[in-house]
C-alpha atoms as a PDB file:
ATOM      1  CA  MET A   1      22.913  60.810  36.342  1.00  0.00           C
ATOM      2  CA  ALA A   2      21.584  61.664  39.792  1.00  0.00           C
ATOM      3  CA  GLU A   3      21.429  59.119  42.600  1.00  0.00           C
ATOM      4  CA  ILE A   4      18.951  56.348  41.804  1.00  0.00           C
ATOM      5  CA  ALA A   5      16.432  55.432  44.477  1.00  0.00           C
ATOM      6  CA  ARG A   6      13.534  54.034  42.432  1.00  0.00           C
ATOM      7  CA  ILE A   7      13.722  51.839  39.327  1.00  0.00           C
ATOM      8  CA  VAL A   8      11.016  50.511  37.011  1.00  0.00           C
ATOM      9  CA  ILE A   9      12.047  47.703  34.663  1.00  0.00           C
ATOM     10  CA  LEU A  10       9.833  46.637  31.764  1.00  0.00           C
ATOM     11  CA  THR A  11      10.604  43.363  30.006  1.00  0.00           C
ATOM     12  CA  GLY A  12       9.188  41.985  26.791  1.00  0.00           C
ATOM     13  CA  ALA A  13       9.421  38.972  24.519  1.00  0.00           C
ATOM     14  CA  GLY A  14      13.048  39.644  23.612  1.00  0.00           C
ATOM     15  CA  ILE A  15      14.324  38.676  27.048  1.00  0.00           C
ATOM     16  CA  SER A  16      12.659  35.254  26.821  1.00  0.00           C
ATOM     17  CA  ALA A  17      13.583  34.683  23.173  1.00  0.00           C
ATOM     18  CA  GLU A  18      17.141  33.885  24.251  1.00  0.00           C
ATOM     19  CA  SER A  19      15.726  31.040  26.334  1.00  0.00           C
ATOM     20  CA  GLY A  20      14.031  29.597  23.251  1.00  0.00           C
ATOM     21  CA  ILE A  21      10.501  31.009  23.589  1.00  0.00           C
ATOM     22  CA  ASP A  22       9.047  32.207  20.288  1.00  0.00           C
ATOM     23  CA  THR A  23       8.293  35.894  20.052  1.00  0.00           C
ATOM     24  CA  PHE A  24       5.102  36.975  18.328  1.00  0.00           C
ATOM     25  CA  ARG A  25       6.512  39.548  15.949  1.00  0.00           C
ATOM     26  CA  SER A  26       9.762  38.048  14.713  1.00  0.00           C
ATOM     27  CA  ALA A  27      10.092  36.255  11.385  1.00  0.00           C
ATOM     28  CA  GLY A  28       8.629  32.805  11.917  1.00  0.00           C
ATOM     29  CA  GLY A  29       7.093  33.949  15.199  1.00  0.00           C
ATOM     30  CA  LEU A  30       3.713  33.111  16.607  1.00  0.00           C
ATOM     31  CA  TRP A  31       1.817  35.739  14.608  1.00  0.00           C
ATOM     32  CA  GLU A  32       2.977  34.093  11.379  1.00  0.00           C
ATOM     33  CA  GLN A  33       1.771  30.717  12.627  1.00  0.00           C
ATOM     34  CA  HIS A  34      -1.567  31.977  13.987  1.00  0.00           C
ATOM     35  CA  LYS A  35      -3.730  34.983  13.279  1.00  0.00           C
ATOM     36  CA  VAL A  36      -3.925  37.294  16.279  1.00  0.00           C
ATOM     37  CA  GLU A  37      -7.702  37.565  15.940  1.00  0.00           C
ATOM     38  CA  ASP A  38      -8.005  33.781  16.199  1.00  0.00           C
ATOM     39  CA  VAL A  39      -5.945  33.104  19.338  1.00  0.00           C
ATOM     40  CA  ALA A  40      -5.595  36.390  21.211  1.00  0.00           C
ATOM     41  CA  THR A  41      -8.996  38.074  21.259  1.00  0.00           C
ATOM     42  CA  PRO A  42     -12.225  37.434  23.189  1.00  0.00           C
ATOM     43  CA  GLU A  43     -13.986  37.118  19.834  1.00  0.00           C
ATOM     44  CA  GLY A  44     -11.599  34.400  18.708  1.00  0.00           C
ATOM     45  CA  PHE A  45     -12.217  32.480  21.937  1.00  0.00           C
ATOM     46  CA  ALA A  46     -15.976  32.740  21.484  1.00  0.00           C
ATOM     47  CA  ARG A  47     -15.690  31.577  17.867  1.00  0.00           C
ATOM     48  CA  ASP A  48     -13.343  28.621  18.383  1.00  0.00           C
ATOM     49  CA  PRO A  49     -12.552  27.909  22.046  1.00  0.00           C
ATOM     50  CA  ASP A  50     -10.840  24.596  21.221  1.00  0.00           C
ATOM     51  CA  LEU A  51      -8.270  26.347  19.025  1.00  0.00           C
ATOM     52  CA  VAL A  52      -7.530  28.941  21.697  1.00  0.00           C
ATOM     53  CA  LEU A  53      -7.331  26.476  24.590  1.00  0.00           C
ATOM     54  CA  SER A  54      -5.064  24.108  22.665  1.00  0.00           C
ATOM     55  CA  PHE A  55      -2.827  27.029  21.609  1.00  0.00           C
ATOM     56  CA  TYR A  56      -2.249  28.087  25.220  1.00  0.00           C
ATOM     57  CA  ASP A  57      -1.995  24.487  26.438  1.00  0.00           C
ATOM     58  CA  MET A  58       0.887  23.980  24.002  1.00  0.00           C
ATOM     59  CA  ARG A  59       2.577  27.178  25.115  1.00  0.00           C
ATOM     60  CA  ARG A  60       2.206  26.161  28.774  1.00  0.00           C
ATOM     61  CA  GLU A  61       3.660  22.731  28.075  1.00  0.00           C
ATOM     62  CA  ALA A  62       6.578  24.320  26.210  1.00  0.00           C
ATOM     63  CA  LEU A  63       7.687  26.118  29.390  1.00  0.00           C
ATOM     64  CA  SER A  64       9.047  22.835  30.733  1.00  0.00           C
ATOM     65  CA  LYS A  65      11.546  22.733  27.862  1.00  0.00           C
ATOM     66  CA  VAL A  66      13.138  26.153  28.479  1.00  0.00           C
ATOM     67  CA  GLU A  67      15.198  27.696  31.253  1.00  0.00           C
ATOM     68  CA  PRO A  68      15.785  31.277  32.434  1.00  0.00           C
ATOM     69  CA  ASN A  69      18.831  32.920  30.923  1.00  0.00           C
ATOM     70  CA  ALA A  70      21.515  35.232  32.270  1.00  0.00           C
ATOM     71  CA  ALA A  71      19.298  38.307  31.852  1.00  0.00           C
ATOM     72  CA  HIS A  72      16.553  36.863  34.072  1.00  0.00           C
ATOM     73  CA  VAL A  73      19.131  35.897  36.681  1.00  0.00           C
ATOM     74  CA  ALA A  74      20.769  39.338  36.605  1.00  0.00           C
ATOM     75  CA  ILE A  75      17.455  41.111  37.153  1.00  0.00           C
ATOM     76  CA  ALA A  76      16.734  38.824  40.099  1.00  0.00           C
ATOM     77  CA  ARG A  77      20.122  39.705  41.554  1.00  0.00           C
ATOM     78  CA  LEU A  78      19.348  43.416  41.153  1.00  0.00           C
ATOM     79  CA  GLU A  79      15.996  42.866  42.848  1.00  0.00           C
ATOM     80  CA  ARG A  80      17.785  41.328  45.858  1.00  0.00           C
ATOM     81  CA  GLU A  81      20.734  43.701  46.134  1.00  0.00           C
ATOM     82  CA  PHE A  82      19.436  47.117  45.062  1.00  0.00           C
ATOM     83  CA  ALA A  83      18.926  49.254  48.163  1.00  0.00           C
ATOM     84  CA  GLY A  84      16.054  51.324  46.764  1.00  0.00           C
ATOM     85  CA  GLU A  85      12.634  50.523  45.315  1.00  0.00           C
ATOM     86  CA  LEU A  86      12.352  48.328  42.232  1.00  0.00           C
ATOM     87  CA  LEU A  87       9.266  47.356  40.271  1.00  0.00           C
ATOM     88  CA  LEU A  88       9.658  44.625  37.661  1.00  0.00           C
ATOM     89  CA  VAL A  89       6.863  44.747  35.078  1.00  0.00           C
ATOM     90  CA  THR A  90       6.773  42.120  32.350  1.00  0.00           C
ATOM     91  CA  GLN A  91       4.660  41.804  29.232  1.00  0.00           C
ATOM     92  CA  ASN A  92       5.588  38.121  29.131  1.00  0.00           C
ATOM     93  CA  VAL A  93       3.206  35.402  30.252  1.00  0.00           C
ATOM     94  CA  ASP A  94       5.957  32.850  30.931  1.00  0.00           C
ATOM     95  CA  ASP A  95       7.430  32.142  34.375  1.00  0.00           C
ATOM     96  CA  LEU A  96      11.107  32.626  33.544  1.00  0.00           C
ATOM     97  CA  HIS A  97      11.537  35.670  35.796  1.00  0.00           C
ATOM     98  CA  GLU A  98      10.248  33.705  38.776  1.00  0.00           C
ATOM     99  CA  ARG A  99      12.391  30.689  37.921  1.00  0.00           C
ATOM    100  CA  GLY A 100      15.358  33.031  37.527  1.00  0.00           C
ATOM    101  CA  GLY A 101      14.927  34.139  41.132  1.00  0.00           C
ATOM    102  CA  SER A 102      12.588  37.161  41.007  1.00  0.00           C
ATOM    103  CA  ASP A 103       9.734  37.121  43.490  1.00  0.00           C
ATOM    104  CA  ARG A 104       8.046  40.501  42.907  1.00  0.00           C
ATOM    105  CA  VAL A 105       7.010  40.235  39.239  1.00  0.00           C
ATOM    106  CA  LEU A 106       4.025  42.177  37.926  1.00  0.00           C
ATOM    107  CA  HIS A 107       2.606  40.323  34.910  1.00  0.00           C
ATOM    108  CA  MET A 108       0.683  43.074  33.120  1.00  0.00           C
ATOM    109  CA  HIS A 109      -0.520  40.651  30.418  1.00  0.00           C
ATOM    110  CA  GLY A 110      -1.332  37.743  32.723  1.00  0.00           C
ATOM    111  CA  GLU A 111       0.332  34.359  33.152  1.00  0.00           C
ATOM    112  CA  LEU A 112       0.291  31.045  31.315  1.00  0.00           C
ATOM    113  CA  LYS A 113       0.298  29.225  34.637  1.00  0.00           C
ATOM    114  CA  SER A 114      -2.885  30.912  35.802  1.00  0.00           C
ATOM    115  CA  ALA A 115      -6.509  30.216  34.919  1.00  0.00           C
ATOM    116  CA  LEU A 116      -9.371  32.703  34.856  1.00  0.00           C
ATOM    117  CA  CYS A 117     -12.912  31.460  35.389  1.00  0.00           C
ATOM    118  CA  GLY A 118     -15.471  32.975  33.034  1.00  0.00           C
ATOM    119  CA  ALA A 119     -18.247  32.135  35.502  1.00  0.00           C
ATOM    120  CA  CYS A 120     -17.024  33.384  38.897  1.00  0.00           C
ATOM    121  CA  GLY A 121     -14.140  35.608  37.753  1.00  0.00           C
ATOM    122  CA  MET A 122     -11.647  34.025  40.145  1.00  0.00           C
ATOM    123  CA  ARG A 123      -8.035  33.276  39.259  1.00  0.00           C
ATOM    124  CA  SER A 124      -6.152  30.150  40.294  1.00  0.00           C
ATOM    125  CA  ARG A 125      -2.718  28.670  39.677  1.00  0.00           C
ATOM    126  CA  TRP A 126      -2.847  26.269  36.759  1.00  0.00           C
ATOM    127  CA  GLU A 127      -0.497  23.639  35.350  1.00  0.00           C
ATOM    128  CA  GLY A 128      -2.820  21.303  33.432  1.00  0.00           C
ATOM    129  CA  ARG A 129      -4.677  21.200  30.117  1.00  0.00           C
ATOM    130  CA  MET A 130      -7.719  23.416  29.606  1.00  0.00           C
ATOM    131  CA  ILE A 131      -8.798  21.726  26.387  1.00  0.00           C
ATOM    132  CA  GLU A 132     -10.270  18.945  28.538  1.00  0.00           C
ATOM    133  CA  ARG A 133     -12.672  21.481  30.113  1.00  0.00           C
ATOM    134  CA  PRO A 134     -11.758  20.895  33.774  1.00  0.00           C
ATOM    135  CA  PRO A 135     -14.001  22.513  36.399  1.00  0.00           C
ATOM    136  CA  CYS A 136     -13.019  25.756  38.093  1.00  0.00           C
ATOM    137  CA  PRO A 137     -11.331  24.939  41.430  1.00  0.00           C
ATOM    138  CA  ILE A 138     -13.451  27.658  43.068  1.00  0.00           C
ATOM    139  CA  CYS A 139     -16.986  27.338  41.659  1.00  0.00           C
ATOM    140  CA  GLN A 140     -16.723  24.025  39.742  1.00  0.00           C
ATOM    141  CA  ALA A 141     -18.077  25.529  36.499  1.00  0.00           C
ATOM    142  CA  PRO A 142     -16.367  24.253  33.294  1.00  0.00           C
ATOM    143  CA  SER A 143     -15.583  27.854  32.331  1.00  0.00           C
ATOM    144  CA  LEU A 144     -11.816  28.203  32.557  1.00  0.00           C
ATOM    145  CA  ARG A 145      -9.837  30.294  30.082  1.00  0.00           C
ATOM    146  CA  PRO A 146      -6.184  31.326  30.026  1.00  0.00           C
ATOM    147  CA  ASP A 147      -5.487  34.157  32.448  1.00  0.00           C
ATOM    148  CA  VAL A 148      -3.900  36.093  29.596  1.00  0.00           C
ATOM    149  CA  VAL A 149      -4.794  39.638  28.560  1.00  0.00           C
ATOM    150  CA  TRP A 150      -6.002  39.521  24.967  1.00  0.00           C
ATOM    151  CA  PHE A 151      -6.214  42.360  22.477  1.00  0.00           C
ATOM    152  CA  GLY A 152      -9.146  44.559  23.439  1.00  0.00           C
ATOM    153  CA  GLU A 153      -8.763  43.787  27.158  1.00  0.00           C
ATOM    154  CA  MET A 154      -7.218  45.998  29.844  1.00  0.00           C
ATOM    155  CA  PRO A 155      -3.748  45.009  31.109  1.00  0.00           C
ATOM    156  CA  TYR A 156      -3.457  44.295  34.819  1.00  0.00           C
ATOM    157  CA  GLN A 157      -2.490  46.750  37.581  1.00  0.00           C
ATOM    158  CA  MET A 158      -2.126  49.785  35.329  1.00  0.00           C
ATOM    159  CA  GLU A 159      -2.704  52.236  38.182  1.00  0.00           C
ATOM    160  CA  ARG A 160       0.169  50.743  40.146  1.00  0.00           C
ATOM    161  CA  ILE A 161       2.430  50.839  37.078  1.00  0.00           C
ATOM    162  CA  TYR A 162       1.691  54.486  36.257  1.00  0.00           C
ATOM    163  CA  THR A 163       2.203  55.474  39.890  1.00  0.00           C
ATOM    164  CA  ALA A 164       5.646  53.839  39.842  1.00  0.00           C
ATOM    165  CA  LEU A 165       6.530  55.467  36.505  1.00  0.00           C
ATOM    166  CA  GLY A 166       5.624  58.839  37.958  1.00  0.00           C
ATOM    167  CA  ARG A 167       8.015  58.371  40.885  1.00  0.00           C
ATOM    168  CA  CYS A 168      10.963  56.499  39.387  1.00  0.00           C
ATOM    169  CA  ASP A 169      14.464  57.841  38.795  1.00  0.00           C
ATOM    170  CA  LEU A 170      15.328  55.210  36.180  1.00  0.00           C
ATOM    171  CA  PHE A 171      13.158  53.403  33.640  1.00  0.00           C
ATOM    172  CA  VAL A 172      14.684  50.454  31.783  1.00  0.00           C
ATOM    173  CA  SER A 173      13.004  48.677  28.865  1.00  0.00           C
ATOM    174  CA  ILE A 174      14.468  45.258  28.045  1.00  0.00           C
ATOM    175  CA  GLY A 175      13.568  43.184  25.011  1.00  0.00           C
ATOM    176  CA  THR A 176      10.482  45.093  23.904  1.00  0.00           C
ATOM    177  CA  SER A 177       9.364  46.026  20.390  1.00  0.00           C
ATOM    178  CA  GLY A 178       8.085  49.484  21.336  1.00  0.00           C
ATOM    179  CA  ALA A 179       5.020  48.749  19.214  1.00  0.00           C
ATOM    180  CA  VAL A 180       2.324  47.662  21.677  1.00  0.00           C
ATOM    181  CA  TYR A 181       0.491  50.193  23.839  1.00  0.00           C
ATOM    182  CA  PRO A 182       0.133  50.982  26.656  1.00  0.00           C
ATOM    183  CA  ALA A 183       3.625  49.582  27.385  1.00  0.00           C
ATOM    184  CA  ALA A 184       5.152  51.446  24.439  1.00  0.00           C
ATOM    185  CA  GLY A 185       4.179  54.711  26.137  1.00  0.00           C
ATOM    186  CA  PHE A 186       5.874  53.958  29.465  1.00  0.00           C
ATOM    187  CA  VAL A 187       9.127  55.616  28.406  1.00  0.00           C
ATOM    188  CA  GLN A 188       7.330  58.911  27.796  1.00  0.00           C
ATOM    189  CA  GLU A 189       5.546  58.687  31.137  1.00  0.00           C
ATOM    190  CA  ALA A 190       8.872  58.162  32.904  1.00  0.00           C
ATOM    191  CA  ARG A 191      10.635  60.953  31.010  1.00  0.00           C
ATOM    192  CA  GLN A 192       7.883  63.428  31.808  1.00  0.00           C
ATOM    193  CA  SER A 193       8.500  62.685  35.489  1.00  0.00           C
ATOM    194  CA  GLY A 194      12.220  63.356  35.144  1.00  0.00           C
ATOM    195  CA  ALA A 195      13.515  59.787  35.042  1.00  0.00           C
ATOM    196  CA  HIS A 196      16.561  58.687  33.102  1.00  0.00           C
ATOM    197  CA  THR A 197      15.511  56.131  30.467  1.00  0.00           C
ATOM    198  CA  LEU A 198      17.452  53.190  29.041  1.00  0.00           C
ATOM    199  CA  GLU A 199      16.595  50.745  26.277  1.00  0.00           C
ATOM    200  CA  VAL A 200      18.276  47.332  26.180  1.00  0.00           C
ATOM    201  CA  ASN A 201      17.244  45.429  23.067  1.00  0.00           C
ATOM    202  CA  LEU A 202      18.684  43.134  20.433  1.00  0.00           C
ATOM    203  CA  GLU A 203      18.155  45.902  17.869  1.00  0.00           C
ATOM    204  CA  PRO A 204      16.636  49.401  17.928  1.00  0.00           C
ATOM    205  CA  SER A 205      12.931  49.301  18.765  1.00  0.00           C
ATOM    206  CA  GLU A 206      10.266  51.519  17.244  1.00  0.00           C
ATOM    207  CA  GLY A 207      10.700  53.839  20.225  1.00  0.00           C
ATOM    208  CA  THR A 208      14.489  53.915  20.541  1.00  0.00           C
ATOM    209  CA  HIS A 209      14.575  57.650  19.840  1.00  0.00           C
ATOM    210  CA  LEU A 210      12.496  58.282  22.975  1.00  0.00           C
ATOM    211  CA  PHE A 211      15.187  56.951  25.332  1.00  0.00           C
ATOM    212  CA  HIS A 212      18.108  58.896  26.788  1.00  0.00           C
ATOM    213  CA  GLU A 213      20.355  55.876  26.307  1.00  0.00           C
ATOM    214  CA  ALA A 214      20.201  52.665  24.262  1.00  0.00           C
ATOM    215  CA  ARG A 215      22.289  49.511  24.341  1.00  0.00           C
ATOM    216  CA  HIS A 216      21.745  47.028  21.529  1.00  0.00           C
ATOM    217  CA  GLY A 217      22.769  43.379  21.571  1.00  0.00           C
ATOM    218  CA  PRO A 218      21.821  40.140  23.349  1.00  0.00           C
ATOM    219  CA  ALA A 219      20.034  40.688  26.668  1.00  0.00           C
ATOM    220  CA  GLY A 220      21.920  37.727  28.129  1.00  0.00           C
ATOM    221  CA  ARG A 221      25.133  39.722  27.796  1.00  0.00           C
ATOM    222  CA  LEU A 222      23.995  43.326  28.174  1.00  0.00           C
ATOM    223  CA  VAL A 223      21.686  42.986  31.184  1.00  0.00           C
ATOM    224  CA  PRO A 224      24.289  41.336  33.464  1.00  0.00           C
ATOM    225  CA  ASP A 225      26.816  44.006  32.435  1.00  0.00           C
ATOM    226  CA  TRP A 226      24.339  46.786  33.193  1.00  0.00           C
ATOM    227  CA  THR A 227      23.297  45.386  36.573  1.00  0.00           C
ATOM    228  CA  GLU A 228      26.958  44.994  37.545  1.00  0.00           C
ATOM    229  CA  GLU A 229      27.526  48.673  36.694  1.00  0.00           C
ATOM    230  CA  LEU A 230      24.512  49.775  38.679  1.00  0.00           C
ATOM    231  CA  LEU A 231      25.310  47.726  41.771  1.00  0.00           C
ATOM    232  CA  SER A 232      28.971  48.767  41.806  1.00  0.00           C
END
């Protein structure tokens, strides 16, 4: 592999699962407990806002019971010590990357600890309960919703992500199912630009065959090993 100057890392639910956060697609995961159309679509929010707000309030509260794992910490170390450019893109809405030490995280699907106002469109940091219909800190309207990208909505900062994919030398996908677009197509974007591509996942994803290299097993073990290799 040629010298690496630019890296794009994509993380998904699998990296946080080892910290105890439920994934959506696993057996017993969140999609078995709730229908996606009820809690993760604009239509579901319009139909039953109390259900949606309470669902995300519970998920936000659950963050206090989990901690970042060795994979989060290893990525933060890479972010600090890698001499080139690194973009960390996550599909996760938790804050485990930040708590693991990363400070340049791009949350393409939004964040649990952020609120979006349906009236003024402004975003603000959020720790409390939305089910109680608190006013927007900016415009005071009782119109807050989770700042989470639902099905049918456009993920955040896609132009920046595609620009980085078009320039990177290495694309690494960690803990993703390879089933949800546009993220599932990132490996092809990177390959078309000449990047080496690596999958790190508990088991082969739907897109494993698209990667140059795949390592399967717990992220908490494999990611620290990989970052040690890269930095040495």
